[in-house]
């Protein structure tokens, strides 16, 4: 898990089965998680307060 703030751009490197990596950009101000299929799932973060 990573918590990032004050970044203008962010990419994540996901390892593939062959040892290489896939680089995927992450949208800002959203919650992004890596799925079991090694893809990204992004959802809106709702602050209650």
PDB file of N, CA and C in Angstrom:
ATOM      1  N   UNK A   1       0.845  -1.158   0.000  1.00  0.00           N
ATOM      2  CA  UNK A   1       0.000   0.000   0.000  1.00  0.00           C
ATOM      3  C   UNK A   1       0.894   1.225   0.000  1.00  0.00           C
ATOM      4  N   UNK A   2       0.499   2.217  -0.772  1.00  0.00           N
ATOM      5  CA  UNK A   2       1.237   3.477  -0.834  1.00  0.00           C
ATOM      6  C   UNK A   2       0.279   4.627  -0.594  1.00  0.00           C
ATOM      7  N   UNK A   3       0.730   5.612   0.166  1.00  0.00           N
ATOM      8  CA  UNK A   3      -0.008   6.847   0.355  1.00  0.00           C
ATOM      9  C   UNK A   3       0.855   7.953  -0.227  1.00  0.00           C
ATOM     10  N   UNK A   4       0.310   8.673  -1.204  1.00  0.00           N
ATOM     11  CA  UNK A   4       1.076   9.697  -1.901  1.00  0.00           C
ATOM     12  C   UNK A   4       0.326  11.025  -1.794  1.00  0.00           C
ATOM     13  N   UNK A   5       1.051  12.107  -1.552  1.00  0.00           N
ATOM     14  CA  UNK A   5       0.446  13.434  -1.579  1.00  0.00           C
ATOM     15  C   UNK A   5       1.420  14.403  -2.226  1.00  0.00           C
ATOM     16  N   UNK A   6       0.869  15.499  -2.704  1.00  0.00           N
ATOM     17  CA  UNK A   6       1.651  16.558  -3.334  1.00  0.00           C
ATOM     18  C   UNK A   6       2.490  16.051  -4.497  1.00  0.00           C
ATOM     19  N   UNK A   7       1.891  15.217  -5.332  1.00  0.00           N
ATOM     20  CA  UNK A   7       2.559  14.723  -6.534  1.00  0.00           C
ATOM     21  C   UNK A   7       1.814  15.261  -7.746  1.00  0.00           C
ATOM     22  N   UNK A   8       2.558  15.692  -8.760  1.00  0.00           N
ATOM     23  CA  UNK A   8       1.897  16.159  -9.971  1.00  0.00           C
ATOM     24  C   UNK A   8       1.560  14.989 -10.890  1.00  0.00           C
ATOM     25  N   UNK A   9       2.332  13.917 -10.824  1.00  0.00           N
ATOM     26  CA  UNK A   9       2.084  12.728 -11.632  1.00  0.00           C
ATOM     27  C   UNK A   9       2.579  11.509 -10.872  1.00  0.00           C
ATOM     28  N   UNK A  10       1.954  10.365 -11.116  1.00  0.00           N
ATOM     29  CA  UNK A  10       2.376   9.143 -10.439  1.00  0.00           C
ATOM     30  C   UNK A  10       2.152   7.955 -11.371  1.00  0.00           C
ATOM     31  N   UNK A  11       3.152   7.098 -11.472  1.00  0.00           N
ATOM     32  CA  UNK A  11       3.056   5.849 -12.211  1.00  0.00           C
ATOM     33  C   UNK A  11       3.417   4.714 -11.273  1.00  0.00           C
ATOM     34  N   UNK A  12       2.842   3.538 -11.516  1.00  0.00           N
ATOM     35  CA  UNK A  12       3.172   2.362 -10.722  1.00  0.00           C
ATOM     36  C   UNK A  12       3.685   1.285 -11.677  1.00  0.00           C
ATOM     37  N   UNK A  13       4.674   0.528 -11.207  1.00  0.00           N
ATOM     38  CA  UNK A  13       5.251  -0.555 -12.004  1.00  0.00           C
ATOM     39  C   UNK A  13       4.722  -1.874 -11.455  1.00  0.00           C
ATOM     40  N   UNK A  14       4.003  -2.639 -12.294  1.00  0.00           N
ATOM     41  CA  UNK A  14       3.424  -3.922 -11.908  1.00  0.00           C
ATOM     42  C   UNK A  14       4.260  -5.031 -12.541  1.00  0.00           C
ATOM     43  N   UNK A  15       4.800  -5.969 -11.733  1.00  0.00           N
ATOM     44  CA  UNK A  15       5.608  -7.051 -12.308  1.00  0.00           C
ATOM     45  C   UNK A  15       4.742  -8.034 -13.092  1.00  0.00           C
ATOM     46  N   UNK A  16       5.281  -8.508 -14.226  1.00  0.00           N
ATOM     47  CA  UNK A  16       4.605  -9.516 -15.041  1.00  0.00           C
ATOM     48  C   UNK A  16       5.252 -10.876 -14.787  1.00  0.00           C
ATOM     49  N   UNK A  17       4.623 -11.931 -15.273  1.00  0.00           N
ATOM     50  CA  UNK A  17       5.106 -13.299 -15.048  1.00  0.00           C
ATOM     51  C   UNK A  17       6.489 -13.534 -15.651  1.00  0.00           C
ATOM     52  N   UNK A  18       6.807 -12.824 -16.748  1.00  0.00           N
ATOM     53  CA  UNK A  18       8.096 -13.032 -17.416  1.00  0.00           C
ATOM     54  C   UNK A  18       9.238 -12.232 -16.788  1.00  0.00           C
ATOM     55  N   UNK A  19       8.952 -11.535 -15.679  1.00  0.00           N
ATOM     56  CA  UNK A  19       9.995 -10.768 -15.000  1.00  0.00           C
ATOM     57  C   UNK A  19      10.070  -9.318 -15.439  1.00  0.00           C
ATOM     58  N   UNK A  20       9.374  -8.968 -16.512  1.00  0.00           N
ATOM     59  CA  UNK A  20       9.329  -7.590 -16.985  1.00  0.00           C
ATOM     60  C   UNK A  20       8.276  -6.830 -16.169  1.00  0.00           C
ATOM     61  N   UNK A  21       8.142  -5.533 -16.411  1.00  0.00           N
ATOM     62  CA  UNK A  21       7.182  -4.711 -15.679  1.00  0.00           C
ATOM     63  C   UNK A  21       6.263  -3.981 -16.645  1.00  0.00           C
ATOM     64  N   UNK A  22       5.051  -3.703 -16.191  1.00  0.00           N
ATOM     65  CA  UNK A  22       4.110  -2.862 -16.911  1.00  0.00           C
ATOM     66  C   UNK A  22       3.973  -1.567 -16.124  1.00  0.00           C
ATOM     67  N   UNK A  23       4.154  -0.426 -16.804  1.00  0.00           N
ATOM     68  CA  UNK A  23       4.029   0.881 -16.157  1.00  0.00           C
ATOM     69  C   UNK A  23       2.629   1.430 -16.417  1.00  0.00           C
ATOM     70  N   UNK A  24       1.926   1.801 -15.338  1.00  0.00           N
ATOM     71  CA  UNK A  24       0.551   2.276 -15.451  1.00  0.00           C
ATOM     72  C   UNK A  24       0.422   3.599 -14.695  1.00  0.00           C
ATOM     73  N   UNK A  25      -0.137   4.649 -15.343  1.00  0.00           N
ATOM     74  CA  UNK A  25      -0.353   5.917 -14.629  1.00  0.00           C
ATOM     75  C   UNK A  25      -1.511   5.801 -13.641  1.00  0.00           C
ATOM     76  N   UNK A  26      -1.419   6.532 -12.527  1.00  0.00           N
ATOM     77  CA  UNK A  26      -2.455   6.529 -11.492  1.00  0.00           C
ATOM     78  C   UNK A  26      -3.098   7.913 -11.450  1.00  0.00           C
ATOM     79  N   UNK A  27      -4.439   7.979 -11.552  1.00  0.00           N
ATOM     80  CA  UNK A  27      -5.105   9.279 -11.444  1.00  0.00           C
ATOM     81  C   UNK A  27      -4.962   9.872 -10.044  1.00  0.00           C
ATOM     82  N   UNK A  28      -4.940  11.202  -9.969  1.00  0.00           N
ATOM     83  CA  UNK A  28      -4.788  11.885  -8.686  1.00  0.00           C
ATOM     84  C   UNK A  28      -6.115  11.959  -7.936  1.00  0.00           C
ATOM     85  N   UNK A  29      -6.046  12.011  -6.621  1.00  0.00           N
ATOM     86  CA  UNK A  29      -7.164  12.193  -5.704  1.00  0.00           C
ATOM     87  C   UNK A  29      -8.230  11.107  -5.835  1.00  0.00           C
ATOM     88  N   UNK A  30      -7.793   9.897  -6.124  1.00  0.00           N
ATOM     89  CA  UNK A  30      -8.658   8.731  -6.173  1.00  0.00           C
ATOM     90  C   UNK A  30      -7.973   7.605  -5.413  1.00  0.00           C
ATOM     91  N   UNK A  31      -8.726   6.611  -5.001  1.00  0.00           N
ATOM     92  CA  UNK A  31      -8.153   5.423  -4.369  1.00  0.00           C
ATOM     93  C   UNK A  31      -7.930   4.392  -5.471  1.00  0.00           C
ATOM     94  N   UNK A  32      -6.685   3.985  -5.654  1.00  0.00           N
ATOM     95  CA  UNK A  32      -6.338   3.005  -6.676  1.00  0.00           C
ATOM     96  C   UNK A  32      -5.720   1.795  -6.005  1.00  0.00           C
ATOM     97  N   UNK A  33      -6.221   0.616  -6.334  1.00  0.00           N
ATOM     98  CA  UNK A  33      -5.687  -0.627  -5.789  1.00  0.00           C
ATOM     99  C   UNK A  33      -5.301  -1.558  -6.928  1.00  0.00           C
ATOM    100  N   UNK A  34      -4.346  -2.442  -6.657  1.00  0.00           N
ATOM    101  CA  UNK A  34      -3.931  -3.450  -7.628  1.00  0.00           C
ATOM    102  C   UNK A  34      -4.786  -4.691  -7.387  1.00  0.00           C
ATOM    103  N   UNK A  35      -5.436  -5.196  -8.443  1.00  0.00           N
ATOM    104  CA  UNK A  35      -6.301  -6.367  -8.324  1.00  0.00           C
ATOM    105  C   UNK A  35      -5.482  -7.653  -8.406  1.00  0.00           C
ATOM    106  N   UNK A  36      -6.143  -8.783  -8.177  1.00  0.00           N
ATOM    107  CA  UNK A  36      -5.473 -10.081  -8.287  1.00  0.00           C
ATOM    108  C   UNK A  36      -4.980 -10.348  -9.704  1.00  0.00           C
ATOM    109  N   UNK A  37      -5.631  -9.734 -10.705  1.00  0.00           N
ATOM    110  CA  UNK A  37      -5.229  -9.892 -12.106  1.00  0.00           C
ATOM    111  C   UNK A  37      -4.129  -8.921 -12.508  1.00  0.00           C
ATOM    112  N   UNK A  38      -3.585  -8.195 -11.527  1.00  0.00           N
ATOM    113  CA  UNK A  38      -2.520  -7.212 -11.730  1.00  0.00           C
ATOM    114  C   UNK A  38      -2.949  -6.080 -12.659  1.00  0.00           C
ATOM    115  N   UNK A  39      -4.198  -5.646 -12.487  1.00  0.00           N
ATOM    116  CA  UNK A  39      -4.682  -4.440 -13.132  1.00  0.00           C
ATOM    117  C   UNK A  39      -5.022  -3.449 -12.024  1.00  0.00           C
ATOM    118  N   UNK A  40      -5.325  -2.212 -12.397  1.00  0.00           N
ATOM    119  CA  UNK A  40      -5.653  -1.201 -11.398  1.00  0.00           C
ATOM    120  C   UNK A  40      -7.156  -0.983 -11.338  1.00  0.00           C
ATOM    121  N   UNK A  41      -7.682  -0.850 -10.136  1.00  0.00           N
ATOM    122  CA  UNK A  41      -9.082  -0.501  -9.908  1.00  0.00           C
ATOM    123  C   UNK A  41      -9.099   0.839  -9.192  1.00  0.00           C
ATOM    124  N   UNK A  42      -9.763   1.834  -9.785  1.00  0.00           N
ATOM    125  CA  UNK A  42      -9.769   3.195  -9.248  1.00  0.00           C
ATOM    126  C   UNK A  42     -11.183   3.591  -8.859  1.00  0.00           C
ATOM    127  N   UNK A  43     -11.314   4.196  -7.675  1.00  0.00           N
ATOM    128  CA  UNK A  43     -12.615   4.661  -7.207  1.00  0.00           C
ATOM    129  C   UNK A  43     -12.462   6.020  -6.541  1.00  0.00           C
ATOM    130  N   UNK A  44     -13.557   6.751  -6.483  1.00  0.00           N
ATOM    131  CA  UNK A  44     -13.565   8.070  -5.851  1.00  0.00           C
ATOM    132  C   UNK A  44     -13.463   7.898  -4.340  1.00  0.00           C
ATOM    133  N   UNK A  45     -12.646   8.731  -3.706  1.00  0.00           N
ATOM    134  CA  UNK A  45     -12.524   8.724  -2.250  1.00  0.00           C
ATOM    135  C   UNK A  45     -13.534   9.716  -1.697  1.00  0.00           C
ATOM    136  N   UNK A  46     -14.385   9.239  -0.797  1.00  0.00           N
ATOM    137  CA  UNK A  46     -15.392  10.096  -0.193  1.00  0.00           C
ATOM    138  C   UNK A  46     -14.975  10.438   1.228  1.00  0.00           C
ATOM    139  N   UNK A  47     -14.720  11.722   1.477  1.00  0.00           N
ATOM    140  CA  UNK A  47     -14.357  12.182   2.816  1.00  0.00           C
ATOM    141  C   UNK A  47     -15.613  12.579   3.560  1.00  0.00           C
ATOM    142  N   UNK A  48     -15.757  12.071   4.760  1.00  0.00           N
ATOM    143  CA  UNK A  48     -16.916  12.402   5.588  1.00  0.00           C
ATOM    144  C   UNK A  48     -16.421  13.120   6.832  1.00  0.00           C
ATOM    145  N   UNK A  49     -16.544  14.432   6.821  1.00  0.00           N
ATOM    146  CA  UNK A  49     -16.072  15.147   7.983  1.00  0.00           C
ATOM    147  C   UNK A  49     -16.133  16.617   7.843  1.00  0.00           C
TER     148      UNK A  49
END
